[in-house]
Amino acid sequence: MERDNLSFYESQSTGTPVAIVNVPIEIGSDERGLAEAPKYLQERGLANMLAGIGRTISKKTNILCPKPAQLASAGAMKNVEAIVSVAKRTKSAVMRAGKRGDTVLALGGDHSLSLGSIAGASAAHPGMGLIYIDAHPDCTTDTTTISGNVHGMIVSSAIGQGNPLLTDLFTRKVLPENVLYIAVKDIDAGEIALMREQGIQSFTMLDIATRGLAPVVDAIEALGKRCPKVWVSLDLDSIDERFAPGVAMTTPDGLTRREIVALAHVIGRVCTLAGADIAEMVPGKDKEGITARLAIEVLARFLGGQWGWYEEYMDHYREINVTGEPEKVEIKRK
């Protein structure tokens, strides 16, 4: 039957097991508090969401990450040896999960976690596509970086551009034509040059403000048809600070709540997901848990499900119908 607009709201759970890889890294960034994010997301209901959308957790892996105080931080690639060590362990965990057939959720941490997560996923899935949702394109190199922060060198490394210490992590590179940027707006001159040179498709916040989401949705669907598997990397600073205050670099004029949920919904329905990572959450900056709740809702949509106040509300009534023992439940809506 031909898909209509209502089909996006029909249950399409694959039941594929989910492997969780916790990467509490914060040495790729100048921000502190990022290491608490994986634990914070799990305390805020990640497992409940997965059960609610019909997914089981096959395995949890905790990647050991050094503390910033243990390291010097200077140069064009700050803390690079330690970051590469973490990336290798992350890559191995993600690759094994991908080859088992699991969908992977990699929880950071700063965005340098994606060196390992994307490298592992691309090794497991030939021809993989990459959707990179971020206010920053993260395609500087050791010769173009201003800050020296390695969390800004992810996509460049994935496509084979930059220092071999980082590019060699990718035993199977991501093809530039299989990269799709969404919501970029804070872009360095060197990044613009590389994006143009490599022909990477991008939708800036100006594109979204002036043209809406329709062209982005078309590009997501085309990528999903072209690539057998897709990895999504989400930096929460792509979302406007009104809806995601608990991030390392809060940003005005980012994606609205409706836009990020809609994009995640489309990705989960038209792409076959290898997995997703989520980066740059700082629990200490969150307000009443709204960033964590939004992140969990977005992850549910990436996985092809729906999880929010309405689903929790209806689950309460499903329990009543099974047990016949109603209990008072408080549903918080934000």
C-alpha atoms as a PDB file:
ATOM      1  CA  MET A   1       0.000   0.000   0.000  1.00  0.00           C
ATOM      2  CA  GLU A   2       1.280   3.451  -0.874  1.00  0.00           C
ATOM      3  CA  ARG A   3       2.431   5.446   2.112  1.00  0.00           C
ATOM      4  CA  ASP A   4       0.292   8.394   3.149  1.00  0.00           C
ATOM      5  CA  ASN A   5       0.826  11.046   5.805  1.00  0.00           C
ATOM      6  CA  LEU A   6      -0.918   8.951   8.461  1.00  0.00           C
ATOM      7  CA  SER A   7       1.466   6.030   7.928  1.00  0.00           C
ATOM      8  CA  PHE A   8       4.139   8.023   9.753  1.00  0.00           C
ATOM      9  CA  TYR A   9       2.032   7.609  12.902  1.00  0.00           C
ATOM     10  CA  GLU A  10       1.463   3.872  12.594  1.00  0.00           C
ATOM     11  CA  SER A  11       3.561   1.575  14.770  1.00  0.00           C
ATOM     12  CA  GLN A  12       6.528   0.288  12.787  1.00  0.00           C
ATOM     13  CA  SER A  13       8.739  -1.134  15.516  1.00  0.00           C
ATOM     14  CA  THR A  14      11.387  -3.473  14.145  1.00  0.00           C
ATOM     15  CA  GLY A  15      12.114  -4.972  17.537  1.00  0.00           C
ATOM     16  CA  THR A  16      15.844  -4.891  16.717  1.00  0.00           C
ATOM     17  CA  PRO A  17      17.889  -5.048  19.942  1.00  0.00           C
ATOM     18  CA  VAL A  18      19.667  -1.883  21.037  1.00  0.00           C
ATOM     19  CA  ALA A  19      23.262  -1.813  22.242  1.00  0.00           C
ATOM     20  CA  ILE A  20      24.124   1.129  24.489  1.00  0.00           C
ATOM     21  CA  VAL A  21      27.684   2.433  24.483  1.00  0.00           C
ATOM     22  CA  ASN A  22      28.384   5.023  27.167  1.00  0.00           C
ATOM     23  CA  VAL A  23      31.284   7.340  26.320  1.00  0.00           C
ATOM     24  CA  PRO A  24      31.687   9.866  29.175  1.00  0.00           C
ATOM     25  CA  ILE A  25      34.423  11.830  27.443  1.00  0.00           C
ATOM     26  CA  GLU A  26      35.045  15.541  27.938  1.00  0.00           C
ATOM     27  CA  ILE A  27      38.684  15.927  26.913  1.00  0.00           C
ATOM     28  CA  GLY A  28      37.869  16.856  23.312  1.00  0.00           C
ATOM     29  CA  SER A  29      36.230  20.081  24.494  1.00  0.00           C
ATOM     30  CA  ASP A  30      36.975  22.965  26.862  1.00  0.00           C
ATOM     31  CA  GLU A  31      33.611  22.432  28.584  1.00  0.00           C
ATOM     32  CA  ARG A  32      33.290  20.431  31.813  1.00  0.00           C
ATOM     33  CA  GLY A  33      30.361  18.370  33.125  1.00  0.00           C
ATOM     34  CA  LEU A  34      29.831  16.491  29.860  1.00  0.00           C
ATOM     35  CA  ALA A  35      30.999  13.208  31.384  1.00  0.00           C
ATOM     36  CA  GLU A  36      27.854  13.064  33.516  1.00  0.00           C
ATOM     37  CA  ALA A  37      25.503  12.928  30.526  1.00  0.00           C
ATOM     38  CA  PRO A  38      25.267   9.144  29.866  1.00  0.00           C
ATOM     39  CA  LYS A  39      24.302   8.448  33.487  1.00  0.00           C
ATOM     40  CA  TYR A  40      21.918  11.425  33.467  1.00  0.00           C
ATOM     41  CA  LEU A  41      20.059  10.184  30.391  1.00  0.00           C
ATOM     42  CA  GLN A  42      19.617   6.761  31.929  1.00  0.00           C
ATOM     43  CA  GLU A  43      18.387   8.226  35.194  1.00  0.00           C
ATOM     44  CA  ARG A  44      15.878  10.303  33.219  1.00  0.00           C
ATOM     45  CA  GLY A  45      14.173   7.289  31.657  1.00  0.00           C
ATOM     46  CA  LEU A  46      16.126   6.013  28.653  1.00  0.00           C
ATOM     47  CA  ALA A  47      15.438   2.362  29.489  1.00  0.00           C
ATOM     48  CA  ASN A  48      11.724   3.048  30.010  1.00  0.00           C
ATOM     49  CA  MET A  49      11.572   4.668  26.597  1.00  0.00           C
ATOM     50  CA  LEU A  50      13.248   1.712  24.911  1.00  0.00           C
ATOM     51  CA  ALA A  51      10.848  -0.722  26.556  1.00  0.00           C
ATOM     52  CA  GLY A  52       7.932   1.537  25.631  1.00  0.00           C
ATOM     53  CA  ILE A  53       8.796   1.424  21.931  1.00  0.00           C
ATOM     54  CA  GLY A  54       9.375  -2.319  21.969  1.00  0.00           C
ATOM     55  CA  ARG A  55      13.162  -2.427  22.025  1.00  0.00           C
ATOM     56  CA  THR A  56      15.304  -4.592  24.275  1.00  0.00           C
ATOM     57  CA  ILE A  57      18.800  -3.694  25.432  1.00  0.00           C
ATOM     58  CA  SER A  58      21.201  -6.352  24.195  1.00  0.00           C
ATOM     59  CA  LYS A  59      24.306  -5.013  25.902  1.00  0.00           C
ATOM     60  CA  LYS A  60      25.636  -1.993  27.752  1.00  0.00           C
ATOM     61  CA  THR A  61      29.276  -1.023  27.361  1.00  0.00           C
ATOM     62  CA  ASN A  62      30.995   1.635  29.442  1.00  0.00           C
ATOM     63  CA  ILE A  63      34.058   3.124  27.751  1.00  0.00           C
ATOM     64  CA  LEU A  64      36.781   4.164  30.174  1.00  0.00           C
ATOM     65  CA  CYS A  65      37.658   7.824  29.636  1.00  0.00           C
ATOM     66  CA  PRO A  66      40.473   9.804  31.298  1.00  0.00           C
ATOM     67  CA  LYS A  67      39.711  12.859  33.386  1.00  0.00           C
ATOM     68  CA  PRO A  68      40.711  16.287  32.047  1.00  0.00           C
ATOM     69  CA  ALA A  69      42.769  17.037  35.177  1.00  0.00           C
ATOM     70  CA  GLN A  70      45.058  14.138  34.306  1.00  0.00           C
ATOM     71  CA  LEU A  71      46.035  15.655  30.983  1.00  0.00           C
ATOM     72  CA  ALA A  72      47.732  18.664  29.511  1.00  0.00           C
ATOM     73  CA  SER A  73      45.580  20.519  26.989  1.00  0.00           C
ATOM     74  CA  ALA A  74      47.393  22.497  24.312  1.00  0.00           C
ATOM     75  CA  GLY A  75      48.285  22.491  20.637  1.00  0.00           C
ATOM     76  CA  ALA A  76      46.459  22.005  17.342  1.00  0.00           C
ATOM     77  CA  MET A  77      44.893  18.731  18.527  1.00  0.00           C
ATOM     78  CA  LYS A  78      44.500  18.969  22.288  1.00  0.00           C
ATOM     79  CA  ASN A  79      44.662  15.662  24.184  1.00  0.00           C
ATOM     80  CA  VAL A  80      44.758  13.813  20.885  1.00  0.00           C
ATOM     81  CA  GLU A  81      46.548  10.648  22.070  1.00  0.00           C
ATOM     82  CA  ALA A  82      44.038  10.081  24.878  1.00  0.00           C
ATOM     83  CA  ILE A  83      41.097  10.864  22.569  1.00  0.00           C
ATOM     84  CA  VAL A  84      42.326   8.376  19.973  1.00  0.00           C
ATOM     85  CA  SER A  85      42.657   5.724  22.687  1.00  0.00           C
ATOM     86  CA  VAL A  86      39.024   6.288  23.712  1.00  0.00           C
ATOM     87  CA  ALA A  87      37.950   6.311  20.062  1.00  0.00           C
ATOM     88  CA  LYS A  88      39.568   2.931  19.411  1.00  0.00           C
ATOM     89  CA  ARG A  89      37.688   1.335  22.312  1.00  0.00           C
ATOM     90  CA  THR A  90      34.440   2.994  21.219  1.00  0.00           C
ATOM     91  CA  LYS A  91      34.960   1.884  17.632  1.00  0.00           C
ATOM     92  CA  SER A  92      35.448  -1.717  18.716  1.00  0.00           C
ATOM     93  CA  ALA A  93      32.259  -1.749  20.821  1.00  0.00           C
ATOM     94  CA  VAL A  94      30.139  -0.135  18.102  1.00  0.00           C
ATOM     95  CA  MET A  95      31.552  -2.334  15.343  1.00  0.00           C
ATOM     96  CA  ARG A  96      30.859  -5.535  17.295  1.00  0.00           C
ATOM     97  CA  ALA A  97      27.296  -4.432  18.030  1.00  0.00           C
ATOM     98  CA  GLY A  98      26.716  -3.478  14.401  1.00  0.00           C
ATOM     99  CA  LYS A  99      27.973  -6.815  13.139  1.00  0.00           C
ATOM    100  CA  ARG A 100      25.627  -8.576  15.588  1.00  0.00           C
ATOM    101  CA  GLY A 101      22.765  -6.725  13.932  1.00  0.00           C
ATOM    102  CA  ASP A 102      22.052  -4.416  16.867  1.00  0.00           C
ATOM    103  CA  THR A 103      21.094  -0.775  16.579  1.00  0.00           C
ATOM    104  CA  VAL A 104      23.600   1.270  18.584  1.00  0.00           C
ATOM    105  CA  LEU A 105      23.042   4.262  20.838  1.00  0.00           C
ATOM    106  CA  ALA A 106      26.340   5.920  21.761  1.00  0.00           C
ATOM    107  CA  LEU A 107      25.913   8.391  24.596  1.00  0.00           C
ATOM    108  CA  GLY A 108      28.429  11.167  25.254  1.00  0.00           C
ATOM    109  CA  GLY A 109      30.212  13.152  26.358  1.00  0.00           C
ATOM    110  CA  ASP A 110      31.678  15.751  24.023  1.00  0.00           C
ATOM    111  CA  HIS A 111      31.411  15.279  20.283  1.00  0.00           C
ATOM    112  CA  SER A 112      34.835  13.637  20.041  1.00  0.00           C
ATOM    113  CA  LEU A 113      32.973  10.447  21.020  1.00  0.00           C
ATOM    114  CA  SER A 114      31.812  10.350  17.396  1.00  0.00           C
ATOM    115  CA  LEU A 115      35.296   9.582  16.122  1.00  0.00           C
ATOM    116  CA  GLY A 116      34.862   6.097  17.549  1.00  0.00           C
ATOM    117  CA  SER A 117      31.131   5.677  17.042  1.00  0.00           C
ATOM    118  CA  ILE A 118      31.127   6.666  13.370  1.00  0.00           C
ATOM    119  CA  ALA A 119      34.339   4.711  12.690  1.00  0.00           C
ATOM    120  CA  GLY A 120      32.827   1.595  14.264  1.00  0.00           C
ATOM    121  CA  ALA A 121      29.525   1.915  12.449  1.00  0.00           C
ATOM    122  CA  SER A 122      31.152   2.539   9.061  1.00  0.00           C
ATOM    123  CA  ALA A 123      33.404  -0.498   9.572  1.00  0.00           C
ATOM    124  CA  ALA A 124      30.335  -2.654  10.257  1.00  0.00           C
ATOM    125  CA  HIS A 125      28.179  -1.218   7.474  1.00  0.00           C
ATOM    126  CA  PRO A 126      29.730  -0.638   4.020  1.00  0.00           C
ATOM    127  CA  GLY A 127      28.296   2.332   2.139  1.00  0.00           C
ATOM    128  CA  MET A 128      26.917   3.902   5.308  1.00  0.00           C
ATOM    129  CA  GLY A 129      25.332   7.343   5.212  1.00  0.00           C
ATOM    130  CA  LEU A 130      25.931   9.985   7.883  1.00  0.00           C
ATOM    131  CA  ILE A 131      23.397  12.575   9.016  1.00  0.00           C
ATOM    132  CA  TYR A 132      25.167  15.201  11.115  1.00  0.00           C
ATOM    133  CA  ILE A 133      22.843  17.504  13.047  1.00  0.00           C
ATOM    134  CA  ASP A 134      24.917  20.266  14.602  1.00  0.00           C
ATOM    135  CA  ALA A 135      25.213  24.041  14.752  1.00  0.00           C
ATOM    136  CA  HIS A 136      28.871  23.479  13.801  1.00  0.00           C
ATOM    137  CA  PRO A 137      30.049  21.311  10.882  1.00  0.00           C
ATOM    138  CA  ASP A 138      33.002  19.887  12.862  1.00  0.00           C
ATOM    139  CA  CYS A 139      35.205  19.615   9.796  1.00  0.00           C
ATOM    140  CA  THR A 140      38.271  21.547  10.856  1.00  0.00           C
ATOM    141  CA  THR A 141      41.663  19.840  10.705  1.00  0.00           C
ATOM    142  CA  ASP A 142      44.893  20.282  12.626  1.00  0.00           C
ATOM    143  CA  THR A 143      45.934  22.889  10.055  1.00  0.00           C
ATOM    144  CA  THR A 144      42.684  24.899  10.000  1.00  0.00           C
ATOM    145  CA  THR A 145      41.533  24.693  13.622  1.00  0.00           C
ATOM    146  CA  ILE A 146      41.382  27.837  15.716  1.00  0.00           C
ATOM    147  CA  SER A 147      40.630  26.227  19.087  1.00  0.00           C
ATOM    148  CA  GLY A 148      42.559  22.969  18.783  1.00  0.00           C
ATOM    149  CA  ASN A 149      39.506  21.129  20.135  1.00  0.00           C
ATOM    150  CA  VAL A 150      39.271  17.664  18.581  1.00  0.00           C
ATOM    151  CA  HIS A 151      35.485  17.607  18.875  1.00  0.00           C
ATOM    152  CA  GLY A 152      35.558  19.972  15.889  1.00  0.00           C
ATOM    153  CA  MET A 153      37.372  17.479  13.626  1.00  0.00           C
ATOM    154  CA  ILE A 154      34.824  14.676  13.344  1.00  0.00           C
ATOM    155  CA  VAL A 155      33.411  14.839   9.818  1.00  0.00           C
ATOM    156  CA  SER A 156      36.724  15.854   8.239  1.00  0.00           C
ATOM    157  CA  SER A 157      38.334  12.781   9.816  1.00  0.00           C
ATOM    158  CA  ALA A 158      35.462  10.498   8.766  1.00  0.00           C
ATOM    159  CA  ILE A 159      35.883  11.448   5.099  1.00  0.00           C
ATOM    160  CA  GLY A 160      39.665  11.121   5.256  1.00  0.00           C
ATOM    161  CA  GLN A 161      40.708  14.754   5.537  1.00  0.00           C
ATOM    162  CA  GLY A 162      43.163  15.858   8.204  1.00  0.00           C
ATOM    163  CA  ASN A 163      45.808  14.343  10.438  1.00  0.00           C
ATOM    164  CA  PRO A 164      46.431  10.573  10.093  1.00  0.00           C
ATOM    165  CA  LEU A 165      46.157  10.165  13.867  1.00  0.00           C
ATOM    166  CA  LEU A 166      42.427  10.785  13.384  1.00  0.00           C
ATOM    167  CA  THR A 167      41.768   9.679   9.808  1.00  0.00           C
ATOM    168  CA  ASP A 168      43.420   6.297  10.387  1.00  0.00           C
ATOM    169  CA  LEU A 169      40.665   5.464  12.872  1.00  0.00           C
ATOM    170  CA  PHE A 170      38.366   5.093   9.869  1.00  0.00           C
ATOM    171  CA  THR A 171      39.284   1.799   8.249  1.00  0.00           C
ATOM    172  CA  ARG A 172      36.292   2.422   5.996  1.00  0.00           C
ATOM    173  CA  LYS A 173      35.814   6.099   5.198  1.00  0.00           C
ATOM    174  CA  VAL A 174      32.421   7.749   4.828  1.00  0.00           C
ATOM    175  CA  LEU A 175      31.989   9.024   1.283  1.00  0.00           C
ATOM    176  CA  PRO A 176      31.472  12.815   1.168  1.00  0.00           C
ATOM    177  CA  GLU A 177      28.393  12.338  -1.024  1.00  0.00           C
ATOM    178  CA  ASN A 178      26.876  10.229   1.762  1.00  0.00           C
ATOM    179  CA  VAL A 179      27.185  12.990   4.375  1.00  0.00           C
ATOM    180  CA  LEU A 180      24.220  15.247   5.089  1.00  0.00           C
ATOM    181  CA  TYR A 181      24.530  18.268   7.358  1.00  0.00           C
ATOM    182  CA  ILE A 182      21.455  19.683   9.052  1.00  0.00           C
ATOM    183  CA  ALA A 183      21.149  22.931  11.071  1.00  0.00           C
ATOM    184  CA  VAL A 184      24.701  24.247  10.686  1.00  0.00           C
ATOM    185  CA  LYS A 185      25.085  27.958  11.308  1.00  0.00           C
ATOM    186  CA  ASP A 186      28.367  28.688  13.124  1.00  0.00           C
ATOM    187  CA  ILE A 187      30.942  27.836  10.467  1.00  0.00           C
ATOM    188  CA  ASP A 188      34.644  28.673  10.202  1.00  0.00           C
ATOM    189  CA  ALA A 189      36.180  29.756   6.898  1.00  0.00           C
ATOM    190  CA  GLY A 190      38.265  26.586   6.654  1.00  0.00           C
ATOM    191  CA  GLU A 191      35.156  24.476   7.109  1.00  0.00           C
ATOM    192  CA  ILE A 192      33.304  26.295   4.339  1.00  0.00           C
ATOM    193  CA  ALA A 193      36.253  25.644   2.015  1.00  0.00           C
ATOM    194  CA  LEU A 194      36.351  21.930   2.849  1.00  0.00           C
ATOM    195  CA  MET A 195      32.583  21.505   2.535  1.00  0.00           C
ATOM    196  CA  ARG A 196      32.646  23.101  -0.906  1.00  0.00           C
ATOM    197  CA  GLU A 197      35.727  21.188  -2.009  1.00  0.00           C
ATOM    198  CA  GLN A 198      34.257  17.835  -0.939  1.00  0.00           C
ATOM    199  CA  GLY A 199      30.758  18.594  -2.253  1.00  0.00           C
ATOM    200  CA  ILE A 200      29.047  17.823   1.051  1.00  0.00           C
ATOM    201  CA  GLN A 201      25.325  18.514   1.069  1.00  0.00           C
ATOM    202  CA  SER A 202      24.273  20.882   3.830  1.00  0.00           C
ATOM    203  CA  PHE A 203      21.149  22.616   5.082  1.00  0.00           C
ATOM    204  CA  THR A 204      21.976  25.643   7.174  1.00  0.00           C
ATOM    205  CA  MET A 205      19.659  27.286   9.674  1.00  0.00           C
ATOM    206  CA  LEU A 206      19.160  30.029   7.085  1.00  0.00           C
ATOM    207  CA  ASP A 207      17.956  27.399   4.601  1.00  0.00           C
ATOM    208  CA  ILE A 208      15.509  26.051   7.169  1.00  0.00           C
ATOM    209  CA  ALA A 209      14.301  29.529   8.148  1.00  0.00           C
ATOM    210  CA  THR A 210      13.695  30.579   4.552  1.00  0.00           C
ATOM    211  CA  ARG A 211      12.633  27.317   2.882  1.00  0.00           C
ATOM    212  CA  GLY A 212      11.294  25.160   5.702  1.00  0.00           C
ATOM    213  CA  LEU A 213      11.916  21.469   6.272  1.00  0.00           C
ATOM    214  CA  ALA A 214      10.572  20.094   2.982  1.00  0.00           C
ATOM    215  CA  PRO A 215      13.925  20.159   1.105  1.00  0.00           C
ATOM    216  CA  VAL A 216      15.649  18.622   4.141  1.00  0.00           C
ATOM    217  CA  VAL A 217      13.087  15.821   4.279  1.00  0.00           C
ATOM    218  CA  ASP A 218      13.634  15.131   0.577  1.00  0.00           C
ATOM    219  CA  ALA A 219      17.393  14.910   1.148  1.00  0.00           C
ATOM    220  CA  ILE A 220      16.947  12.555   4.119  1.00  0.00           C
ATOM    221  CA  GLU A 221      14.698  10.299   2.071  1.00  0.00           C
ATOM    222  CA  ALA A 222      17.168  10.257  -0.831  1.00  0.00           C
ATOM    223  CA  LEU A 223      20.010   9.339   1.531  1.00  0.00           C
ATOM    224  CA  GLY A 224      17.907   6.577   3.075  1.00  0.00           C
ATOM    225  CA  LYS A 225      17.265   5.098  -0.362  1.00  0.00           C
ATOM    226  CA  ARG A 226      20.900   5.416  -1.435  1.00  0.00           C
ATOM    227  CA  CYS A 227      22.570   4.029   1.701  1.00  0.00           C
ATOM    228  CA  PRO A 228      21.732   0.624   3.207  1.00  0.00           C
ATOM    229  CA  LYS A 229      22.414   1.971   6.716  1.00  0.00           C
ATOM    230  CA  VAL A 230      22.550   5.480   8.162  1.00  0.00           C
ATOM    231  CA  TRP A 231      24.262   6.778  11.292  1.00  0.00           C
ATOM    232  CA  VAL A 232      22.898   9.920  12.953  1.00  0.00           C
ATOM    233  CA  SER A 233      25.127  12.163  15.031  1.00  0.00           C
ATOM    234  CA  LEU A 234      23.239  14.721  17.098  1.00  0.00           C
ATOM    235  CA  ASP A 235      24.898  17.616  18.861  1.00  0.00           C
ATOM    236  CA  LEU A 236      22.278  19.080  21.170  1.00  0.00           C
ATOM    237  CA  ASP A 237      23.580  22.593  20.513  1.00  0.00           C
ATOM    238  CA  SER A 238      21.780  22.373  17.170  1.00  0.00           C
ATOM    239  CA  ILE A 239      18.581  22.955  19.168  1.00  0.00           C
ATOM    240  CA  ASP A 240      17.584  26.436  20.307  1.00  0.00           C
ATOM    241  CA  GLU A 241      18.544  27.157  23.912  1.00  0.00           C
ATOM    242  CA  ARG A 242      14.868  27.632  24.847  1.00  0.00           C
ATOM    243  CA  PHE A 243      14.313  23.918  24.307  1.00  0.00           C
ATOM    244  CA  ALA A 244      17.789  22.560  25.150  1.00  0.00           C
ATOM    245  CA  PRO A 245      19.443  24.659  27.852  1.00  0.00           C
ATOM    246  CA  GLY A 246      21.533  21.778  29.185  1.00  0.00           C
ATOM    247  CA  VAL A 247      24.266  21.814  26.554  1.00  0.00           C
ATOM    248  CA  ALA A 248      27.903  22.831  26.406  1.00  0.00           C
ATOM    249  CA  MET A 249      27.459  25.694  23.938  1.00  0.00           C
ATOM    250  CA  THR A 250      23.892  26.948  24.192  1.00  0.00           C
ATOM    251  CA  THR A 251      22.806  28.566  20.979  1.00  0.00           C
ATOM    252  CA  PRO A 252      20.075  31.010  20.023  1.00  0.00           C
ATOM    253  CA  ASP A 253      18.264  30.673  16.705  1.00  0.00           C
ATOM    254  CA  GLY A 254      18.730  26.922  16.497  1.00  0.00           C
ATOM    255  CA  LEU A 255      16.175  24.241  15.677  1.00  0.00           C
ATOM    256  CA  THR A 256      12.854  24.518  17.449  1.00  0.00           C
ATOM    257  CA  ARG A 257      11.431  21.639  19.404  1.00  0.00           C
ATOM    258  CA  ARG A 258       8.969  20.936  16.614  1.00  0.00           C
ATOM    259  CA  GLU A 259      11.719  20.944  13.979  1.00  0.00           C
ATOM    260  CA  ILE A 260      14.067  18.515  15.724  1.00  0.00           C
ATOM    261  CA  VAL A 261      11.245  16.128  16.643  1.00  0.00           C
ATOM    262  CA  ALA A 262       9.925  16.234  13.069  1.00  0.00           C
ATOM    263  CA  LEU A 263      13.372  15.610  11.598  1.00  0.00           C
ATOM    264  CA  ALA A 264      13.959  12.698  13.974  1.00  0.00           C
ATOM    265  CA  HIS A 265      10.529  11.288  13.105  1.00  0.00           C
ATOM    266  CA  VAL A 266      11.300  11.356   9.378  1.00  0.00           C
ATOM    267  CA  ILE A 267      14.781   9.859   9.841  1.00  0.00           C
ATOM    268  CA  GLY A 268      13.354   6.995  11.873  1.00  0.00           C
ATOM    269  CA  ARG A 269      10.768   6.179   9.208  1.00  0.00           C
ATOM    270  CA  VAL A 270      12.706   6.555   5.945  1.00  0.00           C
ATOM    271  CA  CYS A 271      16.227   5.457   6.945  1.00  0.00           C
ATOM    272  CA  THR A 272      17.485   2.077   8.146  1.00  0.00           C
ATOM    273  CA  LEU A 273      19.416   3.135  11.196  1.00  0.00           C
ATOM    274  CA  ALA A 274      22.822   1.717  12.063  1.00  0.00           C
ATOM    275  CA  GLY A 275      22.593   3.803  15.198  1.00  0.00           C
ATOM    276  CA  ALA A 276      22.915   7.265  16.637  1.00  0.00           C
ATOM    277  CA  ASP A 277      25.097   9.194  18.998  1.00  0.00           C
ATOM    278  CA  ILE A 278      24.115  12.119  21.147  1.00  0.00           C
ATOM    279  CA  ALA A 279      26.671  14.667  22.293  1.00  0.00           C
ATOM    280  CA  GLU A 280      27.399  17.843  24.236  1.00  0.00           C
ATOM    281  CA  MET A 281      24.835  17.549  27.051  1.00  0.00           C
ATOM    282  CA  VAL A 282      25.793  19.156  30.378  1.00  0.00           C
ATOM    283  CA  PRO A 283      23.380  17.935  33.077  1.00  0.00           C
ATOM    284  CA  GLY A 284      24.409  20.726  35.448  1.00  0.00           C
ATOM    285  CA  LYS A 285      22.997  23.280  33.011  1.00  0.00           C
ATOM    286  CA  ASP A 286      19.707  21.499  32.401  1.00  0.00           C
ATOM    287  CA  LYS A 287      16.498  23.069  33.702  1.00  0.00           C
ATOM    288  CA  GLU A 288      13.943  20.683  35.225  1.00  0.00           C
ATOM    289  CA  GLY A 289      15.191  17.916  32.957  1.00  0.00           C
ATOM    290  CA  ILE A 290      13.768  19.424  29.758  1.00  0.00           C
ATOM    291  CA  THR A 291      16.921  18.791  27.699  1.00  0.00           C
ATOM    292  CA  ALA A 292      17.074  15.152  28.777  1.00  0.00           C
ATOM    293  CA  ARG A 293      13.375  14.571  28.075  1.00  0.00           C
ATOM    294  CA  LEU A 294      13.692  16.077  24.621  1.00  0.00           C
ATOM    295  CA  ALA A 295      16.834  14.037  23.907  1.00  0.00           C
ATOM    296  CA  ILE A 296      15.057  10.801  24.879  1.00  0.00           C
ATOM    297  CA  GLU A 297      12.030  11.684  22.768  1.00  0.00           C
ATOM    298  CA  VAL A 298      14.273  12.410  19.797  1.00  0.00           C
ATOM    299  CA  LEU A 299      16.148   9.124  20.247  1.00  0.00           C
ATOM    300  CA  ALA A 300      12.806   7.295  20.260  1.00  0.00           C
ATOM    301  CA  ARG A 301      11.924   8.893  16.929  1.00  0.00           C
ATOM    302  CA  PHE A 302      15.320   8.006  15.452  1.00  0.00           C
ATOM    303  CA  LEU A 303      14.508   4.403  16.387  1.00  0.00           C
ATOM    304  CA  GLY A 304      11.186   4.553  14.565  1.00  0.00           C
ATOM    305  CA  GLY A 305       9.047   4.885  17.689  1.00  0.00           C
ATOM    306  CA  GLN A 306       7.273   7.623  19.575  1.00  0.00           C
ATOM    307  CA  TRP A 307       7.771   8.424  23.251  1.00  0.00           C
ATOM    308  CA  GLY A 308       6.525  11.497  25.048  1.00  0.00           C
ATOM    309  CA  TRP A 309       3.879  12.610  27.491  1.00  0.00           C
ATOM    310  CA  TYR A 310       1.047  11.089  25.422  1.00  0.00           C
ATOM    311  CA  GLU A 311       2.621   7.639  25.158  1.00  0.00           C
ATOM    312  CA  GLU A 312       3.337   7.594  28.896  1.00  0.00           C
ATOM    313  CA  TYR A 313      -0.233   8.701  29.565  1.00  0.00           C
ATOM    314  CA  MET A 314      -1.705   5.928  27.427  1.00  0.00           C
ATOM    315  CA  ASP A 315       0.655   3.317  28.860  1.00  0.00           C
ATOM    316  CA  HIS A 316      -0.869   4.065  32.258  1.00  0.00           C
ATOM    317  CA  TYR A 317      -4.293   3.077  30.935  1.00  0.00           C
ATOM    318  CA  ARG A 318      -2.914  -0.027  29.254  1.00  0.00           C
ATOM    319  CA  GLU A 319      -1.568  -1.121  32.627  1.00  0.00           C
ATOM    320  CA  ILE A 320      -4.984  -0.545  34.204  1.00  0.00           C
ATOM    321  CA  ASN A 321      -6.622  -2.705  31.559  1.00  0.00           C
ATOM    322  CA  VAL A 322      -4.181  -5.520  32.276  1.00  0.00           C
ATOM    323  CA  THR A 323      -4.029  -5.363  36.076  1.00  0.00           C
ATOM    324  CA  GLY A 324      -7.358  -3.800  36.932  1.00  0.00           C
ATOM    325  CA  GLU A 325      -5.533  -1.789  39.602  1.00  0.00           C
ATOM    326  CA  PRO A 326      -5.572   1.905  38.713  1.00  0.00           C
ATOM    327  CA  GLU A 327      -2.942   4.070  40.313  1.00  0.00           C
ATOM    328  CA  LYS A 328      -2.612   7.796  40.362  1.00  0.00           C
ATOM    329  CA  VAL A 329      -0.009   8.891  37.827  1.00  0.00           C
ATOM    330  CA  GLU A 330       1.447  12.316  37.277  1.00  0.00           C
ATOM    331  CA  ILE A 331       2.294  13.187  33.709  1.00  0.00           C
ATOM    332  CA  LYS A 332       4.475  16.234  33.233  1.00  0.00           C
ATOM    333  CA  ARG A 333       4.095  18.124  29.996  1.00  0.00           C
ATOM    334  CA  LYS A 334       6.587  20.705  28.836  1.00  0.00           C
END
